[in-house]
Protein backbone atom coordinates (compact mmCIF):
# COMPACT_ATOMS: atom_id res chain seq x y z
CA MET A 1 -0.15 0.99 8.05
CA ALA A 2 -0.80 4.49 6.78
CA LEU A 3 1.91 7.07 7.13
CA LEU A 4 -0.73 9.42 8.56
CA PRO A 5 -4.14 8.66 10.12
CA ASP A 6 -7.02 8.78 7.65
CA SER A 7 -8.50 11.73 9.51
CA GLN A 8 -5.32 13.73 8.84
CA LEU A 9 -4.90 12.60 5.25
CA GLY A 10 -8.20 14.14 4.25
CA TYR A 11 -7.11 17.44 5.76
CA LEU A 12 -3.61 17.46 4.30
CA TRP A 13 -4.58 16.36 0.82
CA SER A 14 -7.00 19.22 0.34
CA MET A 15 -6.13 22.82 -0.33
CA PRO A 16 -7.21 25.50 2.15
CA ASN A 17 -10.97 26.07 2.07
CA SER A 18 -12.54 29.03 0.34
CA LYS A 19 -12.08 31.21 3.44
CA GLU A 20 -8.28 30.83 3.39
CA CYS A 21 -6.14 33.13 1.29
CA PRO A 22 -4.70 31.28 -1.77
CA HIS A 23 -1.78 33.74 -1.87
CA CYS A 24 -0.38 33.51 1.68
CA GLY A 25 -2.46 30.68 3.20
CA SER A 26 -3.80 32.84 6.02
CA GLY A 27 -7.27 32.24 7.45
CA ASN A 28 -7.56 35.87 8.58
CA THR A 29 -10.04 36.85 5.83
CA VAL A 30 -13.33 38.73 5.62
CA LYS A 31 -16.13 38.91 3.06
CA ASN A 32 -15.72 41.75 0.60
CA GLY A 33 -18.85 41.96 -1.55
CA LYS A 34 -19.62 39.99 -4.71
CA SER A 35 -17.70 39.72 -7.97
CA HIS A 36 -19.10 40.68 -11.40
CA TYR A 37 -20.20 37.04 -11.86
CA GLY A 38 -21.99 36.86 -8.51
CA LYS A 39 -19.36 34.88 -6.61
CA GLN A 40 -18.57 35.73 -3.00
CA ASN A 41 -15.48 37.92 -2.82
CA HIS A 42 -13.04 37.75 0.13
CA LYS A 43 -10.15 39.91 1.31
CA CYS A 44 -7.10 38.79 3.27
CA LYS A 45 -6.18 41.04 6.19
CA ASN A 46 -2.58 39.83 6.12
CA CYS A 47 -1.57 40.47 2.51
CA ASN A 48 -4.57 42.61 1.43
CA ARG A 49 -5.15 40.38 -1.62
CA GLN A 50 -8.68 39.61 -2.83
CA PHE A 51 -10.03 36.26 -4.03
CA VAL A 52 -13.33 34.54 -4.79
CA ASP A 53 -14.84 31.19 -3.79
CA ARG A 54 -13.65 28.27 -5.90
CA THR A 55 -16.06 25.94 -7.68
CA PRO A 56 -16.25 22.21 -6.75
CA LYS A 57 -14.38 21.42 -9.97
CA GLU A 58 -11.55 23.73 -8.98
CA GLU A 59 -11.48 22.21 -5.48
CA ALA A 60 -11.15 18.68 -6.93
CA LYS A 61 -8.27 19.80 -9.12
CA LYS A 62 -6.47 21.37 -6.16
CA SER A 63 -6.97 18.23 -4.05
CA PHE A 64 -5.34 16.12 -6.75
CA ARG A 65 -2.38 18.46 -6.79
CA MET A 66 -1.98 18.12 -3.01
CA GLU A 67 -1.96 14.32 -3.27
CA THR A 68 0.70 14.64 -5.96
CA LEU A 69 2.70 17.00 -3.74
CA PHE A 70 2.61 14.41 -0.94
CA ARG A 71 4.19 11.84 -3.27
CA LEU A 72 6.69 14.22 -4.86
CA LEU A 73 8.10 15.15 -1.45
CA GLY A 74 9.35 11.57 -1.19
CA GLU A 75 11.35 11.83 -4.42
CA ARG A 76 14.70 13.46 -5.23
CA LEU A 77 13.25 16.78 -6.34
CA SER A 78 13.86 20.28 -5.07
CA LEU A 79 10.91 22.31 -3.84
CA ARG A 80 11.33 24.64 -6.80
CA ALA A 81 11.14 21.66 -9.19
CA ILE A 82 7.98 20.43 -7.44
CA GLY A 83 6.47 23.88 -7.86
CA TRP A 84 7.26 23.76 -11.55
CA VAL A 85 5.57 20.34 -11.91
CA LEU A 86 2.46 21.51 -10.03
CA THR A 87 2.50 24.94 -11.71
CA GLY A 88 2.57 26.61 -8.31
CA SER A 89 4.79 29.18 -6.66
CA LEU A 90 7.75 28.20 -4.49
CA GLY A 91 6.19 29.89 -1.47
CA ARG A 92 2.97 27.92 -1.84
CA VAL A 93 4.85 24.62 -2.16
CA CYS A 94 6.90 25.45 0.96
CA TYR A 95 3.74 26.30 2.91
CA HIS A 96 1.99 23.00 2.15
CA ALA A 97 5.18 20.94 2.45
CA SER A 98 5.67 22.36 5.95
CA ARG A 99 2.07 21.40 6.85
CA ILE A 100 2.71 17.81 5.77
CA TRP A 101 6.06 17.55 7.55
CA LYS A 102 4.74 18.97 10.82
CA SER A 103 1.68 16.68 10.83
CA LEU A 104 3.64 13.43 10.76
CA PRO A 105 3.34 11.13 13.80
CA GLU A 106 5.85 11.83 16.56
CA HIS A 107 7.44 8.38 16.23
CA LEU A 108 8.57 6.63 13.05
CA PRO A 109 6.28 3.82 11.80
CA VAL A 110 7.66 0.56 13.24
CA SER A 111 6.28 -2.98 13.22
CA GLU A 112 4.40 -3.87 16.39
CA GLY A 113 6.20 -7.21 16.38
CA LEU A 114 9.44 -5.42 17.28
CA LEU A 115 7.84 -3.55 20.16
CA ASP A 116 5.51 -6.03 21.86
CA GLY A 117 8.24 -8.36 23.10
CA GLU A 118 7.85 -11.21 20.61
CA ILE A 119 11.57 -10.95 19.74
CA SER A 120 13.99 -11.20 22.67
CA CYS A 121 17.06 -9.80 20.90
CA LEU A 122 17.43 -7.44 17.94
CA CYS A 123 20.42 -6.58 15.78
CA LEU A 124 20.68 -2.91 14.95
CA GLU A 125 23.18 -1.09 12.76
CA GLY A 126 24.12 2.53 13.30
CA ASP A 127 25.90 5.00 11.06
CA GLU A 128 26.33 8.73 10.37
CA LEU A 129 25.63 10.47 7.06
CA TRP A 130 27.28 13.80 6.21
CA SER A 131 25.12 16.76 5.19
CA PHE A 132 25.17 20.52 5.59
CA VAL A 133 22.77 23.42 6.04
CA GLY A 134 23.40 26.75 4.35
CA ALA A 135 27.10 26.24 3.63
CA LYS A 136 29.54 23.35 3.57
CA ASP A 137 31.34 24.73 6.62
CA CYS A 138 28.10 24.11 8.62
CA PRO A 139 27.95 20.29 8.70
CA GLU A 140 24.97 18.44 10.13
CA TRP A 141 25.39 14.69 10.55
CA VAL A 142 22.39 12.43 10.00
CA TRP A 143 22.47 9.62 12.58
CA VAL A 144 20.39 6.56 11.64
CA ALA A 145 19.79 3.15 13.23
CA ILE A 146 18.31 0.29 11.20
CA GLU A 147 16.97 -3.10 12.30
CA ARG A 148 18.93 -5.68 10.34
CA LYS A 149 16.21 -8.26 9.64
CA THR A 150 13.21 -6.08 8.80
CA LYS A 151 15.27 -3.14 7.38
CA LEU A 152 13.08 -0.73 9.37
CA ILE A 153 14.59 2.53 10.59
CA VAL A 154 14.18 2.58 14.38
CA GLY A 155 16.28 5.65 15.26
CA PHE A 156 16.95 9.02 13.64
CA HIS A 157 18.78 12.14 14.78
CA ILE A 158 20.55 15.11 13.20
CA GLY A 159 23.40 16.79 15.02
CA ALA A 160 27.16 16.96 15.46
CA ARG A 161 29.40 13.92 15.00
CA ASP A 162 30.25 13.65 18.67
CA SER A 163 28.95 12.15 21.90
CA GLN A 164 25.91 14.45 21.91
CA GLY A 165 24.92 13.22 18.46
CA ALA A 166 25.31 9.59 19.57
CA LYS A 167 23.19 10.31 22.63
CA GLY A 168 20.52 11.85 20.40
CA LEU A 169 20.40 8.68 18.30
CA TYR A 170 20.16 6.54 21.43
CA LEU A 171 17.22 8.56 22.78
CA SER A 172 15.43 8.44 19.42
CA ILE A 173 15.19 4.64 19.64
CA ASP A 174 12.01 3.43 21.35
CA LYS A 175 12.55 2.46 24.99
CA ARG A 176 11.13 -1.00 24.31
CA LEU A 177 13.93 -1.63 21.80
CA ARG A 178 16.93 -0.18 23.60
CA GLY A 179 17.20 -2.85 26.28
CA LYS A 180 17.03 -5.83 23.93
CA SER A 181 19.21 -4.60 21.07
CA LEU A 182 22.79 -5.24 20.03
CA ILE A 183 24.03 -2.40 17.82
CA PHE A 184 26.84 -2.67 15.28
CA THR A 185 28.72 0.50 14.27
CA ASP A 186 31.71 1.56 12.17
CA GLY A 187 33.97 2.03 15.18
CA LEU A 188 33.26 5.68 16.01
CA LEU A 189 34.21 6.18 19.67
CA ALA A 190 31.24 8.48 20.31
CA TYR A 191 28.90 5.46 20.34
CA GLY A 192 30.61 4.20 23.47
CA THR A 193 29.44 7.23 25.44
CA ALA A 194 25.76 6.61 24.65
CA PHE A 195 25.29 2.85 24.38
CA GLU A 196 26.14 0.34 27.07
CA LYS A 197 29.30 -1.67 26.59
CA GLY A 198 27.50 -5.02 26.49
CA GLN A 199 25.18 -3.99 23.65
CA LEU A 200 27.74 -2.24 21.46
CA SER A 201 29.87 -3.95 18.80
CA GLN A 202 32.37 -1.83 16.85
CA GLU A 203 33.80 -4.39 14.45
CA GLY A 204 34.01 -2.09 11.45
CA LYS A 205 32.33 -1.73 8.07
CA GLY A 206 31.74 -5.43 7.49
CA LYS A 207 28.93 -5.50 10.04
CA THR A 208 27.13 -2.38 8.80
CA MET A 209 26.22 -3.32 5.23
CA ALA A 210 22.46 -2.79 5.73
CA ILE A 211 22.81 0.77 7.04
CA GLU A 212 25.40 1.64 4.37
CA ARG A 213 22.93 0.49 1.72
CA PHE A 214 20.18 2.59 3.28
CA ASN A 215 22.47 5.64 3.25
CA ASN A 216 22.63 5.28 -0.52
CA THR A 217 18.84 4.95 -0.72
CA LEU A 218 18.45 8.10 1.37
CA ARG A 219 20.74 10.09 -0.92
CA GLN A 220 18.79 8.86 -3.95
CA ARG A 221 15.43 9.94 -2.48
CA CYS A 222 16.30 13.23 -0.80
CA SER A 223 17.71 16.01 -2.97
CA ARG A 224 19.07 17.80 0.10
CA LEU A 225 21.60 14.99 0.57
CA VAL A 226 22.94 14.94 -3.01
CA ARG A 227 26.57 16.02 -2.73
CA LYS A 228 26.82 18.10 -5.92
CA SER A 229 23.48 19.86 -6.04
CA LEU A 230 21.91 23.28 -5.52
CA SER A 231 19.00 21.72 -3.60
CA LEU A 232 20.69 22.25 -0.26
CA SER A 233 18.82 23.19 2.89
CA LYS A 234 18.77 26.79 4.03
CA SER A 235 16.81 26.03 7.22
CA TRP A 236 17.76 23.42 9.83
CA ALA A 237 14.08 22.76 10.66
CA ASN A 238 13.21 22.05 7.01
CA HIS A 239 16.34 19.92 6.70
CA TYR A 240 15.26 17.77 9.64
CA ASP A 241 11.57 17.55 8.69
CA SER A 242 12.19 16.68 5.02
CA ILE A 243 14.67 13.88 5.80
CA ARG A 244 12.40 12.48 8.51
CA PHE A 245 9.52 12.49 6.02
CA VAL A 246 11.53 10.41 3.52
CA ILE A 247 12.50 7.94 6.26
CA ALA A 248 8.87 7.66 7.42
CA MET A 249 7.75 6.94 3.84
CA TYR A 250 10.51 4.31 3.54
CA ASN A 251 9.30 2.55 6.71
CA ASN A 252 5.70 2.76 5.54
CA GLU A 253 6.57 1.08 2.22
CA ILE A 254 8.20 -1.82 4.08
CA LEU A 255 5.24 -2.23 6.44
CA ALA A 256 2.82 -2.19 3.49
CA LYS A 257 4.45 -5.24 1.86
């Protein structure tokens, strides 16, 4: 299963066409005569910069860089480091990274076998992962639910470590999975306000080994979650989108096996 439909991959893995400004990414451009070499010249109405049409060779090179960007976003690299690898500006990397994050499917990739009713009962594990946005006194907890057998992430939410956060995790799980799942947690009382008593087991850390292992994987793949790092998130939206992208790639790798 592809992380994105093929129709979207072709669009995302190509740079803006010749009519889009390479400096700010805006499509609000007009023709502005010809260059000394006879190429069509364009002018951006947003930033007032001028640029010329790229050759097919230049387009192919840019497309390769976009495919590389797609893969680098799933590794533990800051956006500035990705820009250094691709020899591009930080603003340009942020622009295209945002396009990729926003174009992901609404729901995480999950095996159809879990959703179509073939399995009558599922064992899920839930846990919270500490993170922050902007400053360490602004914590944002990453709530994750994993299916124990397949190791697929079936629920994801970012919020406070309280009943509202637990409710957000509950609502992020597909409706077809909620009613037939038994969830194991680390004993946090907030889970009891969101999940029904009969489907909730709070027996402690011994029953949440799979989700604890995934938490480590998530910290290894997402630089925003490294505790001692300067790659912290300044924007809550980017924080959410980047972590969700890593989780979606993780699910896609499992489904591809």
